[in-house]
Amino acid sequence: PLQLFSQKAVVSTQSTGNIRTDSVVGSNDILDATFYDPEVLIGSFMIKFAADGLMYTMFGCHADTVWMSFPTNVNLPATKNKEWMIEKRGLNIKVYCNGKLVLDLTVSSSICDREDWPDWGKTATRFRFFDSDTATDEFYIGTTNACADNPCTHFCYNTGDADQPYTCGCPDGL
């Protein structure tokens, strides 16, 4: 079964966080997944449900909080219920929303303006959700989920259908 943990917990991880939200655009709710190695802050990936649409920022990359729009060629799902998968591998961050790749970037000095931006390359051994995270309803960490018997074992997303709420599948690009 899907392994869900209560919000705001500190949990060991493999490098992938699967996060469920039901926030609406314009609510200004924030999803804030903070990465640690093991107790040292590496950085944080945040999504804001702003009036102008979904925006993201990376704490530990920018000296000041800079909210950026997702790429214009990405059609973020309009559904209220969203299943996010944030995958951090070294300096690469991939973000999926309801099974669709919505952001794929490599952290570098051309993106970040902080001197300690290379910390993003460290392996995340923990995730933490702070009280500033008002969007996360539930999450599970790593590869164990309801789709364990599917060939694409690491991913499960919400269909929005009450009769069959979860579907297994491979996100774009994997």
Protein backbone atom coordinates (compact mmCIF):
# COMPACT_ATOMS: atom_id res chain seq x y z
CA PRO A 1 0.00 0.00 0.00
CA LEU A 2 0.93 3.64 -0.40
CA GLN A 3 3.11 4.68 2.52
CA LEU A 4 1.94 8.03 3.82
CA PHE A 5 3.47 9.96 6.65
CA SER A 6 2.11 12.90 8.57
CA GLN A 7 2.97 16.39 7.42
CA LYS A 8 6.01 18.20 8.84
CA ALA A 9 7.92 15.03 9.77
CA VAL A 10 11.62 14.48 9.16
CA VAL A 11 12.05 11.26 7.20
CA SER A 12 15.02 9.41 5.73
CA THR A 13 14.92 9.33 1.95
CA GLN A 14 16.53 7.86 -1.12
CA SER A 15 16.34 11.08 -3.18
CA THR A 16 12.72 11.24 -4.27
CA GLY A 17 9.86 12.95 -2.48
CA ASN A 18 6.28 12.26 -3.54
CA ILE A 19 3.97 14.98 -2.29
CA ARG A 20 0.19 15.35 -2.42
CA THR A 21 -1.40 18.81 -2.49
CA ASP A 22 -4.94 20.12 -2.94
CA SER A 23 -4.11 23.85 -2.95
CA VAL A 24 -5.59 26.15 -5.56
CA VAL A 25 -3.78 28.73 -7.64
CA GLY A 26 -4.09 32.10 -5.91
CA SER A 27 -4.13 30.67 -2.38
CA ASN A 28 -0.43 31.56 -1.89
CA ASP A 29 0.07 28.17 -0.26
CA ILE A 30 3.67 26.99 -0.36
CA LEU A 31 5.09 23.49 -0.76
CA ASP A 32 8.55 23.48 0.85
CA ALA A 33 10.70 20.34 0.62
CA THR A 34 14.01 20.95 2.38
CA PHE A 35 16.98 18.63 1.80
CA TYR A 36 19.62 17.66 4.38
CA ASP A 37 22.93 15.73 4.34
CA PRO A 38 22.52 14.28 7.01
CA GLU A 39 21.86 17.17 9.43
CA VAL A 40 23.36 19.95 7.28
CA LEU A 41 20.95 22.00 5.16
CA ILE A 42 21.63 21.46 1.43
CA GLY A 43 18.77 23.52 0.02
CA SER A 44 15.04 23.70 -0.38
CA PHE A 45 12.74 23.42 -3.39
CA MET A 46 9.53 25.42 -2.97
CA ILE A 47 6.38 25.76 -5.06
CA LYS A 48 4.00 28.67 -4.53
CA PHE A 49 0.34 28.59 -5.59
CA ALA A 50 0.44 32.29 -6.55
CA ALA A 51 -2.24 34.43 -8.19
CA ASP A 52 -0.11 34.49 -11.36
CA GLY A 53 0.11 30.69 -11.45
CA LEU A 54 2.43 28.09 -9.98
CA MET A 55 5.91 29.44 -9.25
CA TYR A 56 9.06 27.86 -7.82
CA THR A 57 12.21 28.91 -6.00
CA MET A 58 15.29 27.16 -4.67
CA PHE A 59 16.51 28.21 -1.23
CA GLY A 60 20.27 27.80 -0.99
CA CYS A 61 20.67 28.72 -4.63
CA HIS A 62 19.59 32.36 -4.61
CA ALA A 63 20.75 34.97 -2.11
CA ASP A 64 17.21 36.39 -2.06
CA THR A 65 13.97 34.51 -2.65
CA VAL A 66 13.32 34.61 -6.39
CA TRP A 67 9.97 33.13 -7.53
CA MET A 68 10.13 31.86 -11.11
CA SER A 69 7.43 30.58 -13.43
CA PHE A 70 7.60 27.02 -14.65
CA PRO A 71 8.73 26.80 -18.29
CA THR A 72 6.11 28.16 -20.72
CA ASN A 73 6.06 24.94 -22.73
CA VAL A 74 4.82 23.03 -19.66
CA ASN A 75 1.09 22.61 -19.28
CA LEU A 76 0.67 22.17 -15.55
CA PRO A 77 -2.47 20.19 -14.69
CA ALA A 78 -5.48 22.35 -13.88
CA THR A 79 -6.81 19.84 -11.35
CA LYS A 80 -6.91 20.89 -7.69
CA ASN A 81 -5.46 17.58 -6.48
CA LYS A 82 -1.83 17.25 -7.53
CA GLU A 83 0.76 14.55 -6.99
CA TRP A 84 4.26 16.05 -7.10
CA MET A 85 7.44 14.04 -7.41
CA ILE A 86 10.63 15.95 -6.63
CA GLU A 87 13.72 14.01 -7.57
CA LYS A 88 17.16 15.31 -6.54
CA ARG A 89 20.21 13.51 -7.91
CA GLY A 90 23.42 15.45 -7.43
CA LEU A 91 22.97 18.86 -9.02
CA ASN A 92 19.98 17.72 -11.12
CA ILE A 93 16.42 18.47 -9.99
CA LYS A 94 13.41 16.97 -11.78
CA VAL A 95 9.86 17.87 -10.82
CA TYR A 96 6.84 15.92 -12.03
CA CYS A 97 3.21 16.91 -11.55
CA ASN A 98 0.54 14.22 -12.00
CA GLY A 99 2.97 12.16 -14.05
CA LYS A 100 4.22 14.95 -16.32
CA LEU A 101 7.77 16.30 -16.23
CA VAL A 102 7.33 20.03 -15.50
CA LEU A 103 10.89 21.04 -14.59
CA ASP A 104 14.30 19.56 -15.33
CA LEU A 105 17.29 21.67 -14.41
CA THR A 106 20.87 21.35 -13.35
CA VAL A 107 21.94 23.67 -10.56
CA SER A 108 24.96 25.75 -11.59
CA SER A 109 26.54 29.18 -11.21
CA SER A 110 24.50 30.35 -14.21
CA ILE A 111 21.30 29.71 -12.21
CA CYS A 112 22.46 30.38 -8.64
CA ASP A 113 24.03 33.50 -7.16
CA ARG A 114 25.05 32.17 -3.73
CA GLU A 115 28.67 31.21 -3.14
CA ASP A 116 27.67 27.95 -1.46
CA TRP A 117 25.43 26.78 -4.35
CA PRO A 118 27.65 23.68 -4.90
CA ASP A 119 26.08 22.27 -1.68
CA TRP A 120 23.13 21.37 -3.94
CA GLY A 121 25.35 18.59 -5.33
CA LYS A 122 25.43 16.76 -1.99
CA THR A 123 23.34 13.63 -1.59
CA ALA A 124 20.11 14.28 0.27
CA THR A 125 19.65 11.85 3.13
CA ARG A 126 16.63 13.59 4.70
CA PHE A 127 13.62 15.70 3.74
CA ARG A 128 11.94 18.10 6.11
CA PHE A 129 8.69 20.03 5.83
CA PHE A 130 8.56 23.19 7.95
CA ASP A 131 5.51 25.07 9.25
CA SER A 132 5.95 27.45 6.30
CA ASP A 133 4.78 24.54 4.12
CA THR A 134 1.04 25.15 3.88
CA ALA A 135 0.39 23.10 0.72
CA THR A 136 1.61 19.59 1.58
CA ASP A 137 -1.24 17.33 2.65
CA GLU A 138 0.61 14.00 2.64
CA PHE A 139 3.84 12.58 1.28
CA TYR A 140 5.82 9.41 0.86
CA ILE A 141 9.55 9.09 0.40
CA GLY A 142 11.58 6.87 -1.90
CA THR A 143 10.41 4.14 -4.19
CA THR A 144 7.87 2.19 -2.12
CA ASN A 145 4.34 3.01 -3.19
CA ALA A 146 1.09 1.56 -4.45
CA CYS A 147 2.62 0.93 -7.87
CA ALA A 148 5.33 -1.45 -6.65
CA ASP A 149 4.34 -4.18 -9.15
CA ASN A 150 4.32 -1.80 -12.12
CA PRO A 151 7.38 -1.81 -14.45
CA CYS A 152 7.82 1.86 -13.53
CA THR A 153 7.97 1.06 -9.81
CA HIS A 154 8.82 4.51 -8.52
CA PHE A 155 5.75 6.44 -9.55
CA CYS A 156 2.08 6.61 -8.70
CA TYR A 157 -0.24 9.54 -9.33
CA ASN A 158 -3.73 10.73 -8.49
CA THR A 159 -6.23 10.35 -11.35
CA GLY A 160 -8.89 12.53 -9.75
CA ASP A 161 -11.35 9.61 -10.08
CA ALA A 162 -12.81 8.58 -6.71
CA ASP A 163 -13.38 4.98 -7.90
CA GLN A 164 -9.72 4.50 -8.91
CA PRO A 165 -7.78 7.33 -7.27
CA TYR A 166 -4.26 6.11 -8.12
CA THR A 167 -2.75 5.03 -11.41
CA CYS A 168 0.72 3.72 -12.08
CA GLY A 169 2.80 5.02 -14.93
CA CYS A 170 6.14 6.30 -16.08
CA PRO A 171 6.58 10.07 -16.16
CA ASP A 172 7.81 11.68 -19.35
CA GLY A 173 11.53 11.31 -19.90
CA LEU A 174 12.12 8.16 -17.83
